[in-house]
N, C-alpha and C. Protein backbone atom coordinates (compact mmCIF):
# COMPACT_ATOMS: atom_id res chain seq x y z
N UNK A 1 132.21 17.20 121.63
CA UNK A 1 133.14 18.58 121.40
C UNK A 1 133.67 19.01 122.45
N UNK A 2 135.19 19.54 122.57
CA UNK A 2 135.53 20.13 123.77
C UNK A 2 135.30 21.58 123.62
N UNK A 3 135.53 22.00 124.78
CA UNK A 3 135.67 23.35 125.06
C UNK A 3 136.36 24.30 124.37
N UNK A 4 137.56 23.65 123.98
CA UNK A 4 138.33 24.72 123.19
C UNK A 4 137.81 24.98 121.65
N UNK A 5 137.19 24.06 121.46
CA UNK A 5 136.43 24.69 119.79
C UNK A 5 135.32 25.78 119.59
N UNK A 6 134.91 26.08 121.00
CA UNK A 6 133.84 26.98 120.76
C UNK A 6 134.54 28.34 121.64
N UNK A 7 134.48 29.53 120.93
CA UNK A 7 134.92 30.53 121.76
C UNK A 7 133.88 31.75 121.07
N UNK A 8 133.63 32.47 122.02
CA UNK A 8 132.79 33.84 121.94
C UNK A 8 133.41 34.88 120.93
N UNK A 9 132.70 35.47 119.90
CA UNK A 9 133.11 36.38 119.35
C UNK A 9 131.81 37.27 119.02
N UNK A 10 131.62 38.63 119.47
CA UNK A 10 130.44 39.31 119.44
C UNK A 10 130.11 39.74 118.03
N UNK A 11 128.78 39.75 117.69
CA UNK A 11 128.31 40.15 116.31
C UNK A 11 128.19 41.73 116.07
N UNK A 12 128.51 41.94 115.01
CA UNK A 12 128.13 43.35 114.74
C UNK A 12 126.70 43.60 114.51
N UNK A 13 126.36 45.26 114.08
CA UNK A 13 125.23 45.13 113.54
C UNK A 13 124.30 44.42 112.34
N UNK A 14 125.27 44.04 111.60
CA UNK A 14 124.48 43.40 110.43
C UNK A 14 124.83 41.69 110.50
N UNK A 15 125.13 41.27 111.75
CA UNK A 15 125.37 40.02 112.01
C UNK A 15 126.74 39.49 111.58
N UNK A 16 127.54 40.23 111.07
CA UNK A 16 129.14 39.70 111.03
C UNK A 16 129.75 39.83 112.30
N UNK A 17 130.98 39.41 111.94
CA UNK A 17 131.79 39.37 113.65
C UNK A 17 132.70 40.44 113.78
N UNK A 18 132.44 41.66 112.94
CA UNK A 18 132.88 42.82 113.33
C UNK A 18 132.99 43.38 114.50
N UNK A 19 134.21 43.82 115.11
CA UNK A 19 134.25 44.35 116.46
C UNK A 19 134.00 45.82 116.77
N UNK A 20 134.18 46.53 115.48
CA UNK A 20 134.28 47.82 115.89
C UNK A 20 133.06 48.30 115.04
N UNK A 21 132.11 47.93 115.33
CA UNK A 21 130.73 48.40 114.26
C UNK A 21 129.92 49.73 114.68
N UNK A 22 130.31 50.21 116.06
CA UNK A 22 129.82 51.81 116.49
C UNK A 22 130.43 52.83 115.81
N UNK A 23 131.81 52.59 115.66
CA UNK A 23 132.47 53.72 115.01
C UNK A 23 132.31 53.88 113.62
N UNK A 24 131.69 52.65 112.66
CA UNK A 24 131.41 52.82 111.30
C UNK A 24 129.92 53.06 111.31
N UNK A 25 128.76 52.89 112.28
CA UNK A 25 127.46 53.08 112.06
C UNK A 25 127.06 54.03 113.39
N UNK A 26 127.34 55.16 113.42
CA UNK A 26 126.76 55.99 114.36
C UNK A 26 125.25 56.28 114.72
N UNK A 27 124.51 56.31 113.43
CA UNK A 27 123.14 56.44 113.27
C UNK A 27 122.27 55.20 113.88
N UNK A 28 123.12 53.96 113.96
CA UNK A 28 122.37 52.65 114.48
C UNK A 28 122.88 52.66 115.88
N UNK A 29 123.91 53.25 116.33
CA UNK A 29 124.06 53.41 117.86
C UNK A 29 123.27 54.42 118.21
N UNK A 30 122.82 55.25 117.82
CA UNK A 30 121.65 56.23 117.98
C UNK A 30 120.41 55.70 118.22
N UNK A 31 120.05 54.82 117.49
CA UNK A 31 118.97 53.94 117.30
C UNK A 31 118.52 53.30 118.22
N UNK A 32 119.68 52.62 119.06
CA UNK A 32 119.33 51.91 120.33
C UNK A 32 118.75 52.78 121.33
N UNK A 33 119.08 54.18 121.70
CA UNK A 33 118.75 55.01 122.46
C UNK A 33 117.72 55.95 122.17
N UNK A 34 116.70 55.31 121.18
CA UNK A 34 115.74 56.40 120.68
C UNK A 34 114.57 56.61 121.56
N UNK A 35 114.54 55.51 122.50
CA UNK A 35 113.28 55.75 123.36
C UNK A 35 113.87 56.98 124.80
N UNK A 36 115.23 56.55 124.91
CA UNK A 36 115.55 57.38 125.92
C UNK A 36 115.82 58.85 125.38
N UNK A 37 115.90 58.99 124.34
CA UNK A 37 116.11 60.32 123.65
C UNK A 37 114.80 61.02 123.75
N UNK A 38 113.73 60.26 123.04
CA UNK A 38 112.54 60.65 122.87
C UNK A 38 112.00 61.20 124.43
N UNK A 39 112.15 60.28 125.42
CA UNK A 39 111.48 60.67 126.55
C UNK A 39 112.17 61.79 126.97
N UNK A 40 113.42 62.07 127.02
CA UNK A 40 114.31 63.37 127.54
C UNK A 40 113.82 64.51 126.74
N UNK A 41 113.30 64.27 125.24
CA UNK A 41 112.89 65.39 124.60
C UNK A 41 111.72 66.09 125.10
N UNK A 42 110.64 65.10 125.20
CA UNK A 42 109.44 65.24 125.73
C UNK A 42 109.38 65.93 127.48
N UNK A 43 110.13 65.64 127.93
CA UNK A 43 110.28 65.80 129.37
C UNK A 43 110.68 67.53 129.35
N UNK A 44 111.77 67.60 128.56
CA UNK A 44 112.21 69.04 128.42
C UNK A 44 111.08 69.85 128.08
N UNK A 45 110.61 69.63 126.77
CA UNK A 45 109.48 70.37 126.04
C UNK A 45 108.04 70.55 127.20
N UNK A 46 107.80 69.68 127.77
CA UNK A 46 106.87 69.71 128.88
C UNK A 46 107.02 70.78 129.72
N UNK A 47 108.32 70.62 130.45
CA UNK A 47 108.60 71.29 131.39
C UNK A 47 108.41 72.90 131.05
N UNK A 48 109.16 73.18 129.59
CA UNK A 48 109.18 74.73 129.22
C UNK A 48 107.78 75.17 128.85
N UNK A 49 106.72 74.20 128.30
CA UNK A 49 105.60 74.60 128.11
C UNK A 49 105.00 74.80 129.19
N UNK A 50 105.12 74.07 130.57
CA UNK A 50 104.37 74.40 131.65
C UNK A 50 104.86 75.64 132.45
N UNK A 51 106.03 75.93 132.11
CA UNK A 51 106.71 77.27 132.60
C UNK A 51 106.02 78.27 132.27
N UNK A 52 105.62 78.48 130.76
CA UNK A 52 105.29 79.44 130.09
C UNK A 52 103.67 79.51 130.29
N UNK A 53 102.79 78.36 130.61
CA UNK A 53 101.64 78.54 130.70
C UNK A 53 101.39 78.82 131.91
N UNK A 54 102.25 78.62 133.29
CA UNK A 54 102.23 78.93 134.70
C UNK A 54 102.25 80.42 134.46
N UNK A 55 103.26 81.03 133.87
CA UNK A 55 103.59 82.28 133.97
C UNK A 55 102.37 83.27 133.36
N UNK A 56 101.62 82.82 132.07
CA UNK A 56 100.98 83.46 131.76
C UNK A 56 99.51 83.59 132.57
N UNK A 57 99.36 82.22 133.36
CA UNK A 57 98.26 82.20 134.14
C UNK A 57 98.27 83.27 135.42
N UNK A 58 99.54 83.05 135.65
CA UNK A 58 100.11 84.00 136.98
C UNK A 58 99.64 85.49 136.47
N UNK A 59 100.20 85.97 135.33
CA UNK A 59 100.15 87.46 134.90
C UNK A 59 98.46 87.85 134.65
N UNK A 60 97.59 86.85 134.32
CA UNK A 60 96.25 87.11 133.92
C UNK A 60 95.46 87.18 135.54
N UNK A 61 96.13 86.43 136.42
CA UNK A 61 95.19 86.33 137.74
C UNK A 61 95.51 87.86 138.30
N UNK A 62 96.63 88.01 138.27
CA UNK A 62 97.27 89.66 138.68
C UNK A 62 96.55 90.79 138.04
N UNK A 63 96.43 90.60 136.82
CA UNK A 63 95.61 91.88 135.83
C UNK A 63 94.56 91.77 136.16
N UNK A 64 93.69 90.67 136.49
CA UNK A 64 92.41 90.54 136.77
C UNK A 64 91.88 91.03 138.28
N UNK A 65 92.97 91.13 138.86
CA UNK A 65 92.49 91.28 140.64
C UNK A 65 92.01 92.94 140.26
N UNK A 66 90.95 92.95 141.22
CA UNK A 66 90.33 94.26 141.13
C UNK A 66 90.38 94.82 142.48
N UNK A 67 91.09 94.37 143.32
CA UNK A 67 91.18 94.90 144.79
C UNK A 67 92.66 95.29 145.16
N UNK A 68 92.73 96.38 145.98
CA UNK A 68 93.94 97.01 146.50
C UNK A 68 93.91 97.24 147.78
N UNK A 69 95.12 97.03 148.36
CA UNK A 69 95.29 96.86 149.80
C UNK A 69 96.16 98.18 150.24
N UNK A 70 95.36 98.93 151.01
CA UNK A 70 95.82 100.43 151.48
C UNK A 70 96.29 99.97 153.01
N UNK A 71 97.47 100.03 153.17
CA UNK A 71 98.34 100.00 154.62
C UNK A 71 98.04 101.11 155.49
N UNK A 72 97.73 102.37 154.44
CA UNK A 72 97.50 103.45 155.46
C UNK A 72 98.69 103.94 155.78
N UNK A 73 100.02 103.61 155.47
CA UNK A 73 101.20 104.11 156.11
C UNK A 73 102.26 103.71 155.13
N UNK A 74 103.26 104.62 154.96
CA UNK A 74 104.09 104.49 154.20
C UNK A 74 105.59 104.64 154.83
N UNK A 75 105.49 104.02 156.24
CA UNK A 75 106.63 104.27 157.17
C UNK A 75 106.92 102.67 156.84
N UNK A 76 108.46 102.54 156.99
CA UNK A 76 109.05 101.38 157.04
C UNK A 76 109.25 101.18 158.70
N UNK A 77 108.86 99.98 159.03
CA UNK A 77 109.45 99.21 160.24
C UNK A 77 110.35 98.19 160.45
N UNK A 78 111.74 98.39 161.38
CA UNK A 78 112.69 97.62 161.15
C UNK A 78 112.05 96.24 161.90
N UNK A 79 112.40 95.23 161.09
CA UNK A 79 112.05 93.80 162.02
C UNK A 79 112.86 93.73 163.18
N UNK A 80 112.60 93.31 164.13
CA UNK A 80 113.50 92.48 165.54
C UNK A 80 112.91 91.23 165.93
N UNK A 81 113.70 90.30 166.31
CA UNK A 81 113.61 89.03 166.53
C UNK A 81 112.38 89.22 167.77
N UNK A 82 112.82 89.92 168.74
CA UNK A 82 112.15 89.85 170.17
C UNK A 82 111.04 91.16 170.27
N UNK A 83 110.04 90.65 170.53
CA UNK A 83 109.00 91.88 170.67
C UNK A 83 108.43 91.82 172.04
N UNK A 84 107.09 92.50 172.40
CA UNK A 84 106.84 92.48 173.63
C UNK A 84 106.11 91.11 173.77
N UNK A 85 105.93 90.24 173.04
CA UNK A 85 105.25 88.82 172.99
C UNK A 85 106.42 87.88 173.33
N UNK A 86 107.54 88.27 173.58
CA UNK A 86 108.61 87.16 173.65
C UNK A 86 109.41 87.71 174.75
N UNK A 87 109.93 86.73 175.66
CA UNK A 87 110.69 87.11 176.95
C UNK A 87 111.89 86.00 177.04
N UNK A 88 112.95 86.29 177.34
CA UNK A 88 114.20 85.51 177.44
C UNK A 88 114.47 85.64 179.22
N UNK A 89 114.00 86.82 179.68
CA UNK A 89 114.05 86.82 181.46
C UNK A 89 112.56 86.09 182.15
N UNK A 90 112.93 85.35 182.92
CA UNK A 90 111.74 84.64 183.63
C UNK A 90 110.73 85.82 184.38
N UNK A 91 111.36 86.75 184.93
CA UNK A 91 110.35 87.73 185.63
C UNK A 91 109.53 88.55 184.45
N UNK A 92 109.70 88.37 183.46
CA UNK A 92 109.00 89.15 182.49
C UNK A 92 107.47 88.04 182.03
N UNK A 93 107.77 87.08 182.02
CA UNK A 93 106.91 86.08 181.73
C UNK A 93 105.28 85.88 181.79
N UNK A 94 105.09 86.66 183.09
CA UNK A 94 103.79 87.03 183.56
C UNK A 94 103.10 88.07 182.51
N UNK A 95 103.91 89.02 182.32
CA UNK A 95 103.57 90.47 181.22
C UNK A 95 103.04 89.85 180.02
N UNK A 96 104.33 89.03 179.67
CA UNK A 96 104.06 88.42 178.22
C UNK A 96 102.64 87.40 178.28
N UNK A 97 102.47 86.64 178.95
CA UNK A 97 101.54 85.80 179.03
C UNK A 97 100.24 86.45 179.10
N UNK A 98 100.26 87.74 179.63
CA UNK A 98 98.90 88.33 179.93
C UNK A 98 98.85 89.05 178.38
N UNK A 99 99.89 89.67 177.76
CA UNK A 99 99.85 90.17 176.30
C UNK A 99 99.14 89.03 175.36
N UNK A 100 99.71 87.71 175.70
CA UNK A 100 99.38 86.79 174.49
C UNK A 100 97.51 86.45 174.72
N UNK A 101 97.28 86.64 176.22
CA UNK A 101 95.70 86.13 176.54
C UNK A 101 94.83 87.48 176.05
N UNK A 102 95.34 88.58 175.69
CA UNK A 102 94.60 89.60 175.40
C UNK A 102 94.63 89.95 173.88
N UNK A 103 95.20 88.97 173.18
CA UNK A 103 94.73 88.69 171.77
C UNK A 103 93.40 88.17 171.62
N UNK A 104 92.76 88.96 170.84
CA UNK A 104 91.19 88.68 170.69
C UNK A 104 91.04 88.18 169.24
N UNK A 105 90.82 86.76 169.11
CA UNK A 105 90.83 86.52 167.55
C UNK A 105 89.19 86.97 167.03
N UNK A 106 88.40 87.50 167.92
CA UNK A 106 87.10 87.86 167.63
C UNK A 106 87.34 89.10 166.82
N UNK A 107 88.46 89.68 166.98
CA UNK A 107 88.73 91.13 166.37
C UNK A 107 88.70 90.72 164.70
N UNK A 108 88.96 89.34 164.56
CA UNK A 108 89.04 88.98 163.11
C UNK A 108 87.81 88.87 162.26
N UNK A 109 86.90 88.79 163.10
CA UNK A 109 85.44 88.64 162.53
C UNK A 109 84.71 89.93 162.04
N UNK A 110 84.47 90.02 160.57
CA UNK A 110 83.88 90.81 160.05
C UNK A 110 82.62 90.72 159.28
N UNK A 111 81.91 91.76 158.87
CA UNK A 111 80.54 91.62 158.44
C UNK A 111 80.57 92.62 157.30
N UNK A 112 80.39 92.20 156.03
CA UNK A 112 80.45 93.05 154.68
C UNK A 112 79.39 92.90 154.08
N UNK A 113 78.66 93.83 153.34
CA UNK A 113 78.01 93.89 152.70
C UNK A 113 77.76 92.61 151.55
N UNK A 114 76.94 91.82 151.10
CA UNK A 114 76.97 90.88 150.20
C UNK A 114 77.50 91.37 148.76
N UNK A 115 76.33 92.34 148.15
CA UNK A 115 77.05 92.94 147.14
C UNK A 115 78.53 93.53 147.12
N UNK A 116 78.88 94.24 148.10
CA UNK A 116 80.13 94.57 147.90
C UNK A 116 81.47 93.39 147.95
N UNK A 117 81.01 92.20 148.59
CA UNK A 117 81.86 91.30 148.76
C UNK A 117 81.74 90.81 147.16
N UNK A 118 80.49 90.41 146.43
CA UNK A 118 80.47 89.97 145.42
C UNK A 118 81.18 90.94 144.23
N UNK A 119 81.19 92.21 144.38
CA UNK A 119 81.90 92.82 143.40
C UNK A 119 83.48 92.62 143.47
N UNK A 120 83.70 92.23 144.41
CA UNK A 120 85.42 92.00 144.59
C UNK A 120 85.63 90.50 144.60
N UNK A 121 84.62 89.77 144.21
CA UNK A 121 85.02 88.45 143.94
C UNK A 121 85.37 87.79 145.11
N UNK A 122 84.67 88.22 146.14
CA UNK A 122 84.73 87.14 147.39
C UNK A 122 83.68 86.44 147.31
N UNK A 123 84.06 84.91 147.94
CA UNK A 123 82.99 83.95 147.83
C UNK A 123 82.00 84.47 148.84
N UNK A 124 80.71 84.04 148.64
CA UNK A 124 79.58 84.13 149.52
C UNK A 124 79.87 83.68 150.63
N UNK A 125 79.25 83.95 151.57
CA UNK A 125 79.24 83.74 153.32
C UNK A 125 77.90 83.62 153.84
N UNK A 126 77.86 82.95 154.78
CA UNK A 126 76.76 83.16 155.80
C UNK A 126 76.54 84.52 156.22
N UNK A 127 74.98 84.79 156.43
CA UNK A 127 74.60 86.15 156.94
C UNK A 127 74.63 86.42 158.12
N UNK A 128 74.84 87.59 158.41
CA UNK A 128 74.98 88.26 159.62
C UNK A 128 73.41 87.88 160.16
N UNK A 129 73.28 87.26 161.52
CA UNK A 129 71.92 86.99 162.02
C UNK A 129 71.14 88.39 162.23
N UNK A 130 71.68 89.36 162.54
CA UNK A 130 71.04 90.72 162.76
C UNK A 130 70.77 91.51 161.66
N UNK A 131 71.51 91.06 160.35
CA UNK A 131 71.24 91.84 159.23
C UNK A 131 71.43 90.85 157.89
N UNK A 132 70.45 90.80 157.36
CA UNK A 132 70.75 89.50 156.50
C UNK A 132 71.57 90.22 155.10
N UNK A 133 71.71 91.46 155.09
CA UNK A 133 72.40 91.98 153.89
C UNK A 133 73.95 91.82 154.00
N UNK A 134 74.36 91.40 154.92
CA UNK A 134 75.63 91.32 155.60
C UNK A 134 76.00 89.87 155.39
N UNK A 135 77.35 89.43 154.77
CA UNK A 135 78.08 88.12 155.26
C UNK A 135 79.33 88.23 156.16
N UNK A 136 79.00 87.26 156.99
CA UNK A 136 80.24 87.20 157.92
C UNK A 136 81.59 86.51 157.56
N UNK A 137 82.71 87.29 157.36
CA UNK A 137 83.97 86.43 157.08
C UNK A 137 84.98 86.67 158.45
N UNK A 138 85.76 85.69 158.27
CA UNK A 138 86.84 85.52 159.38
C UNK A 138 88.26 85.82 158.85
N UNK A 139 88.78 86.79 159.06
CA UNK A 139 90.14 87.25 158.58
C UNK A 139 91.42 86.22 158.98
N UNK A 140 91.63 85.47 158.14
CA UNK A 140 92.53 84.19 158.39
C UNK A 140 93.55 84.69 159.23
N UNK A 141 94.20 85.55 159.36
CA UNK A 141 95.62 85.57 160.07
C UNK A 141 94.90 85.76 161.52
N UNK A 142 94.00 86.30 162.04
CA UNK A 142 93.23 86.16 163.55
C UNK A 142 93.13 84.53 163.78
N UNK A 143 92.60 83.92 162.64
CA UNK A 143 92.48 82.43 163.21
C UNK A 143 93.67 81.74 163.33
N UNK A 144 94.80 82.10 162.38
CA UNK A 144 96.13 81.53 162.87
C UNK A 144 96.77 81.82 163.94
N UNK A 145 96.46 83.13 164.33
CA UNK A 145 96.59 83.63 165.72
C UNK A 145 96.42 82.87 166.85
N UNK A 146 94.82 82.64 166.66
CA UNK A 146 94.24 81.81 167.76
C UNK A 146 95.02 80.43 167.82
N UNK A 147 95.30 80.02 166.79
CA UNK A 147 95.90 78.44 166.88
C UNK A 147 97.37 78.71 167.44
N UNK A 148 97.92 79.58 166.96
CA UNK A 148 99.13 79.78 167.60
C UNK A 148 99.57 79.71 168.94
N UNK A 149 98.11 80.43 169.75
CA UNK A 149 98.04 81.06 171.07
C UNK A 149 98.09 79.45 171.69
N UNK A 150 97.08 78.54 171.26
CA UNK A 150 97.08 77.30 171.72
C UNK A 150 98.40 76.47 171.46
N UNK A 151 99.00 76.66 170.65
CA UNK A 151 100.19 75.85 170.40
C UNK A 151 101.15 76.08 171.07
N UNK A 152 101.21 77.59 171.63
CA UNK A 152 102.25 78.27 172.82
C UNK A 152 101.65 77.66 173.93
N UNK A 153 100.55 77.74 174.39
CA UNK A 153 100.08 77.31 175.71
C UNK A 153 100.39 75.61 175.84
N UNK A 154 100.07 75.02 174.87
CA UNK A 154 100.41 73.67 174.95
C UNK A 154 101.99 73.04 175.02
N UNK A 155 102.70 73.75 174.37
CA UNK A 155 103.95 73.92 174.50
C UNK A 155 104.54 74.07 175.77
N UNK A 156 104.33 75.18 176.39
CA UNK A 156 104.67 75.27 178.00
C UNK A 156 104.30 74.64 178.77
N UNK A 157 102.96 73.85 178.56
CA UNK A 157 102.51 72.92 179.50
C UNK A 157 103.27 71.44 179.35
N UNK A 158 103.61 71.39 178.08
CA UNK A 158 104.62 70.18 178.00
C UNK A 158 105.76 70.20 178.71
N UNK A 159 106.29 71.39 178.21
CA UNK A 159 107.77 71.31 178.81
C UNK A 159 107.90 71.95 180.37
N UNK A 160 106.66 72.25 180.78
CA UNK A 160 106.66 72.08 182.22
C UNK A 160 107.05 73.71 182.79
N UNK A 161 107.16 74.76 181.73
CA UNK A 161 107.46 76.06 181.95
C UNK A 161 105.80 76.84 182.02
N UNK A 162 105.66 77.95 182.75
CA UNK A 162 104.57 78.53 183.04
C UNK A 162 104.23 79.34 181.51
N UNK A 163 102.87 79.16 181.49
CA UNK A 163 102.30 79.83 180.21
C UNK A 163 100.87 80.24 180.70
């Protein structure tokens, strides 16, 4: 047999040699992609369901919160990038360094009554050595400031600047 005797002709859906089978059978065309369509539909429905459940969970948490924060002041303070803890002038650096050194993370350590903490759903903590009725807590912001002081000092040491 020679090569000229063989020719390629695509088969249609039913095994015949129809060329335009897609236009006559659109449902069969969709049948090829049923897995993709199913995965896409499940992905969309899962995303919608997750969003709804997350929203309900967030609302439930905020409604069950029994604590309030009293700032003690209703005055607005305008934000400025530069403060007394920053300097662009080398002559002011010793003053700025002293201000940073004066920040005491120990101010963030507080002792509160165990019963008071439990009523506000604050997790139990170790007791104060001098008073077993009180638990010792560290306000996270003061610990973060402590770490920031170390990062600042290390940065200045690495760069060769004074700190």
